[in-house]
Amino acid sequence: MHRINITDSAQWFDADKATSYDGYAPEVHGKFVDVNTGDEWTTHTLYHTKMDQWVLVVDSAWAKSRTAEILEPSAAYAWLARNRHHDAIPPEVDDANSLDSTGSTPRRTVRIPDDLWDRAQSTGNASGLINHLLTDYFGLR
């Protein structure tokens, strides 16, 4: 059992029985930098507990500290999207999978990490680029 205490609370959860999602940390100038913290010393891990709670654990190697806080589901889903764990977002809350009130497919909303969106926008036609990439990926040309 790997018990993690919730900061400022008497609650705890067993990390071995929860599903964990690591924070996304791309390599930047030879260092792996967490997108949530902007540094290499502090990392995020999101846990989905057996009690259906979302718990964000922040570990700081520099400060030698750990905090854990319970997140609302909407905040957890935003964290999952930012950290490229799109498959963990339930389809019923994912805008990209939703139907409008008439039952037809609406204009799609897709979560794209900020760094990728900035690069797509620098092309001058982000939606055109995304359409081109999807069309090429699925071999529709």
C-alpha atoms as a PDB file:
ATOM      1  CA  MET A   1       0.000   0.000   0.000  1.00  0.00           C
ATOM      2  CA  HIS A   2       1.291   3.455  -0.942  1.00  0.00           C
ATOM      3  CA  ARG A   3      -0.663   5.920   1.163  1.00  0.00           C
ATOM      4  CA  ILE A   4      -0.789   9.576   0.082  1.00  0.00           C
ATOM      5  CA  ASN A   5      -2.244  12.092   2.518  1.00  0.00           C
ATOM      6  CA  ILE A   6      -4.381  14.946   1.220  1.00  0.00           C
ATOM      7  CA  THR A   7      -2.789  18.254   2.260  1.00  0.00           C
ATOM      8  CA  ASP A   8      -4.735  20.187   4.915  1.00  0.00           C
ATOM      9  CA  SER A   9      -7.148  17.296   5.412  1.00  0.00           C
ATOM     10  CA  ALA A  10      -7.533  14.091   7.368  1.00  0.00           C
ATOM     11  CA  GLN A  11      -8.199  12.220   4.095  1.00  0.00           C
ATOM     12  CA  TRP A  12      -5.810   9.920   2.286  1.00  0.00           C
ATOM     13  CA  PHE A  13      -5.874   7.437  -0.604  1.00  0.00           C
ATOM     14  CA  ASP A  14      -3.967   4.334  -1.675  1.00  0.00           C
ATOM     15  CA  ALA A  15      -1.953   5.258  -4.780  1.00  0.00           C
ATOM     16  CA  ASP A  16      -1.522   1.567  -5.642  1.00  0.00           C
ATOM     17  CA  LYS A  17      -5.286   1.238  -6.091  1.00  0.00           C
ATOM     18  CA  ALA A  18      -5.712   4.476  -8.057  1.00  0.00           C
ATOM     19  CA  THR A  19      -5.086   5.203 -11.723  1.00  0.00           C
ATOM     20  CA  SER A  20      -2.229   7.657 -12.166  1.00  0.00           C
ATOM     21  CA  TYR A  21      -1.462  10.110 -14.954  1.00  0.00           C
ATOM     22  CA  ASP A  22       1.965  11.721 -15.168  1.00  0.00           C
ATOM     23  CA  GLY A  23       2.368  15.361 -16.066  1.00  0.00           C
ATOM     24  CA  TYR A  24       3.626  15.983 -19.585  1.00  0.00           C
ATOM     25  CA  ALA A  25       7.298  16.995 -19.596  1.00  0.00           C
ATOM     26  CA  PRO A  26       8.767  17.599 -23.055  1.00  0.00           C
ATOM     27  CA  GLU A  27      12.516  17.926 -23.460  1.00  0.00           C
ATOM     28  CA  VAL A  28      13.590  21.573 -23.561  1.00  0.00           C
ATOM     29  CA  HIS A  29      17.285  22.316 -24.043  1.00  0.00           C
ATOM     30  CA  GLY A  30      18.233  18.872 -22.751  1.00  0.00           C
ATOM     31  CA  LYS A  31      15.982  19.042 -19.689  1.00  0.00           C
ATOM     32  CA  PHE A  32      12.530  17.561 -19.161  1.00  0.00           C
ATOM     33  CA  VAL A  33      10.333  20.487 -18.130  1.00  0.00           C
ATOM     34  CA  ASP A  34       6.885  19.875 -16.647  1.00  0.00           C
ATOM     35  CA  VAL A  35       4.261  21.874 -18.609  1.00  0.00           C
ATOM     36  CA  ASN A  36       2.333  22.556 -15.396  1.00  0.00           C
ATOM     37  CA  THR A  37       5.198  24.047 -13.426  1.00  0.00           C
ATOM     38  CA  GLY A  38       7.634  25.257 -16.069  1.00  0.00           C
ATOM     39  CA  ASP A  39      10.603  23.647 -14.361  1.00  0.00           C
ATOM     40  CA  GLU A  40      12.397  20.339 -14.146  1.00  0.00           C
ATOM     41  CA  TRP A  41      12.316  20.072 -10.366  1.00  0.00           C
ATOM     42  CA  THR A  42       8.575  20.100  -9.707  1.00  0.00           C
ATOM     43  CA  THR A  43       6.270  17.493 -11.201  1.00  0.00           C
ATOM     44  CA  HIS A  44       2.539  16.840 -11.267  1.00  0.00           C
ATOM     45  CA  THR A  45       0.774  13.492 -11.069  1.00  0.00           C
ATOM     46  CA  LEU A  46      -3.001  13.213 -11.229  1.00  0.00           C
ATOM     47  CA  TYR A  47      -4.696  10.256  -9.551  1.00  0.00           C
ATOM     48  CA  HIS A  48      -8.220   8.963 -10.066  1.00  0.00           C
ATOM     49  CA  THR A  49      -9.055   7.096  -6.870  1.00  0.00           C
ATOM     50  CA  LYS A  50     -11.324   4.119  -6.298  1.00  0.00           C
ATOM     51  CA  MET A  51     -13.664   6.558  -4.491  1.00  0.00           C
ATOM     52  CA  ASP A  52     -14.018   8.483  -7.792  1.00  0.00           C
ATOM     53  CA  GLN A  53     -11.980  11.448  -6.606  1.00  0.00           C
ATOM     54  CA  TRP A  54      -9.375  13.296  -8.652  1.00  0.00           C
ATOM     55  CA  VAL A  55      -6.258  14.102  -6.627  1.00  0.00           C
ATOM     56  CA  LEU A  56      -3.402  16.252  -7.917  1.00  0.00           C
ATOM     57  CA  VAL A  57      -0.052  15.481  -6.315  1.00  0.00           C
ATOM     58  CA  VAL A  58       2.747  18.016  -6.713  1.00  0.00           C
ATOM     59  CA  ASP A  59       6.246  16.801  -5.881  1.00  0.00           C
ATOM     60  CA  SER A  60       9.089  19.288  -5.584  1.00  0.00           C
ATOM     61  CA  ALA A  61      12.558  17.775  -5.612  1.00  0.00           C
ATOM     62  CA  TRP A  62      14.043  21.231  -5.056  1.00  0.00           C
ATOM     63  CA  ALA A  63      11.943  22.020  -1.954  1.00  0.00           C
ATOM     64  CA  LYS A  64      11.739  18.352  -0.929  1.00  0.00           C
ATOM     65  CA  SER A  65       7.991  18.653  -0.487  1.00  0.00           C
ATOM     66  CA  ARG A  66       4.774  17.013  -1.596  1.00  0.00           C
ATOM     67  CA  THR A  67       1.259  18.404  -1.677  1.00  0.00           C
ATOM     68  CA  ALA A  68      -1.954  16.656  -2.646  1.00  0.00           C
ATOM     69  CA  GLU A  69      -5.277  18.324  -3.333  1.00  0.00           C
ATOM     70  CA  ILE A  70      -8.666  17.090  -4.484  1.00  0.00           C
ATOM     71  CA  LEU A  71      -9.764  18.594  -7.813  1.00  0.00           C
ATOM     72  CA  GLU A  72     -13.236  19.092  -9.213  1.00  0.00           C
ATOM     73  CA  PRO A  73     -13.812  16.826 -12.227  1.00  0.00           C
ATOM     74  CA  SER A  74     -13.811  19.775 -14.674  1.00  0.00           C
ATOM     75  CA  ALA A  75     -10.385  20.883 -13.406  1.00  0.00           C
ATOM     76  CA  ALA A  76      -9.116  17.305 -13.638  1.00  0.00           C
ATOM     77  CA  TYR A  77     -10.340  17.008 -17.252  1.00  0.00           C
ATOM     78  CA  ALA A  78      -8.610  20.283 -18.157  1.00  0.00           C
ATOM     79  CA  TRP A  79      -5.423  18.955 -16.544  1.00  0.00           C
ATOM     80  CA  LEU A  80      -5.726  15.686 -18.481  1.00  0.00           C
ATOM     81  CA  ALA A  81      -6.115  17.565 -21.771  1.00  0.00           C
ATOM     82  CA  ARG A  82      -3.163  19.882 -21.049  1.00  0.00           C
ATOM     83  CA  ASN A  83      -1.017  16.855 -20.210  1.00  0.00           C
ATOM     84  CA  ARG A  84      -2.025  14.827 -23.289  1.00  0.00           C
ATOM     85  CA  HIS A  85      -4.150  12.209 -21.554  1.00  0.00           C
ATOM     86  CA  HIS A  86      -7.161  12.789 -23.821  1.00  0.00           C
ATOM     87  CA  ASP A  87      -8.206   9.138 -23.677  1.00  0.00           C
ATOM     88  CA  ALA A  88      -8.872   9.481 -19.937  1.00  0.00           C
ATOM     89  CA  ILE A  89     -11.546  12.147 -20.459  1.00  0.00           C
ATOM     90  CA  PRO A  90     -14.975  10.451 -20.450  1.00  0.00           C
ATOM     91  CA  PRO A  91     -16.747  10.728 -23.833  1.00  0.00           C
ATOM     92  CA  GLU A  92     -19.845  12.231 -22.214  1.00  0.00           C
ATOM     93  CA  VAL A  93     -17.886  15.287 -21.078  1.00  0.00           C
ATOM     94  CA  ASP A  94     -15.602  15.606 -24.095  1.00  0.00           C
ATOM     95  CA  ASP A  95     -16.796  18.432 -26.355  1.00  0.00           C
ATOM     96  CA  ALA A  96     -15.305  16.707 -29.386  1.00  0.00           C
ATOM     97  CA  ASN A  97     -17.667  13.750 -28.931  1.00  0.00           C
ATOM     98  CA  SER A  98     -20.834  15.643 -28.040  1.00  0.00           C
ATOM     99  CA  LEU A  99     -24.041  16.014 -30.022  1.00  0.00           C
ATOM    100  CA  ASP A 100     -26.102  19.191 -30.212  1.00  0.00           C
ATOM    101  CA  SER A 101     -29.728  19.458 -29.051  1.00  0.00           C
ATOM    102  CA  THR A 102     -31.009  18.188 -32.431  1.00  0.00           C
ATOM    103  CA  GLY A 103     -28.916  15.027 -32.156  1.00  0.00           C
ATOM    104  CA  SER A 104     -26.576  15.965 -34.985  1.00  0.00           C
ATOM    105  CA  THR A 105     -22.849  16.433 -34.770  1.00  0.00           C
ATOM    106  CA  PRO A 106     -21.946  20.058 -33.983  1.00  0.00           C
ATOM    107  CA  ARG A 107     -18.854  21.951 -34.971  1.00  0.00           C
ATOM    108  CA  ARG A 108     -16.033  20.136 -33.197  1.00  0.00           C
ATOM    109  CA  THR A 109     -14.106  21.485 -30.264  1.00  0.00           C
ATOM    110  CA  VAL A 110     -10.731  19.846 -29.929  1.00  0.00           C
ATOM    111  CA  ARG A 111      -8.289  20.428 -27.095  1.00  0.00           C
ATOM    112  CA  ILE A 112      -4.832  21.256 -28.418  1.00  0.00           C
ATOM    113  CA  PRO A 113      -1.913  21.998 -26.091  1.00  0.00           C
ATOM    114  CA  ASP A 114      -0.902  25.668 -26.169  1.00  0.00           C
ATOM    115  CA  ASP A 115       2.560  25.020 -27.614  1.00  0.00           C
ATOM    116  CA  LEU A 116       1.123  23.079 -30.562  1.00  0.00           C
ATOM    117  CA  TRP A 117      -1.639  25.632 -31.115  1.00  0.00           C
ATOM    118  CA  ASP A 118       0.909  28.462 -31.206  1.00  0.00           C
ATOM    119  CA  ARG A 119       2.947  26.575 -33.799  1.00  0.00           C
ATOM    120  CA  ALA A 120      -0.178  25.836 -35.879  1.00  0.00           C
ATOM    121  CA  GLN A 121      -1.223  29.496 -35.749  1.00  0.00           C
ATOM    122  CA  SER A 122       2.215  30.576 -36.935  1.00  0.00           C
ATOM    123  CA  THR A 123       1.400  28.916 -40.280  1.00  0.00           C
ATOM    124  CA  GLY A 124      -1.267  31.579 -40.821  1.00  0.00           C
ATOM    125  CA  ASN A 125      -4.088  29.045 -41.291  1.00  0.00           C
ATOM    126  CA  ALA A 126      -4.362  26.786 -38.253  1.00  0.00           C
ATOM    127  CA  SER A 127      -7.683  25.174 -39.189  1.00  0.00           C
ATOM    128  CA  GLY A 128      -6.429  24.518 -42.719  1.00  0.00           C
ATOM    129  CA  LEU A 129      -3.302  22.886 -41.321  1.00  0.00           C
ATOM    130  CA  ILE A 130      -5.358  20.686 -38.973  1.00  0.00           C
ATOM    131  CA  ASN A 131      -7.687  19.629 -41.805  1.00  0.00           C
ATOM    132  CA  HIS A 132      -4.672  18.872 -44.011  1.00  0.00           C
ATOM    133  CA  LEU A 133      -3.035  16.761 -41.283  1.00  0.00           C
ATOM    134  CA  LEU A 134      -6.210  14.775 -40.587  1.00  0.00           C
ATOM    135  CA  THR A 135      -6.855  14.226 -44.291  1.00  0.00           C
ATOM    136  CA  ASP A 136      -3.291  12.990 -44.821  1.00  0.00           C
ATOM    137  CA  TYR A 137      -3.383  10.840 -41.691  1.00  0.00           C
ATOM    138  CA  PHE A 138      -6.533   9.015 -42.783  1.00  0.00           C
ATOM    139  CA  GLY A 139      -5.383   8.781 -46.422  1.00  0.00           C
ATOM    140  CA  LEU A 140      -8.332  10.769 -47.782  1.00  0.00           C
ATOM    141  CA  ARG A 141      -6.321  12.560 -50.488  1.00  0.00           C
END
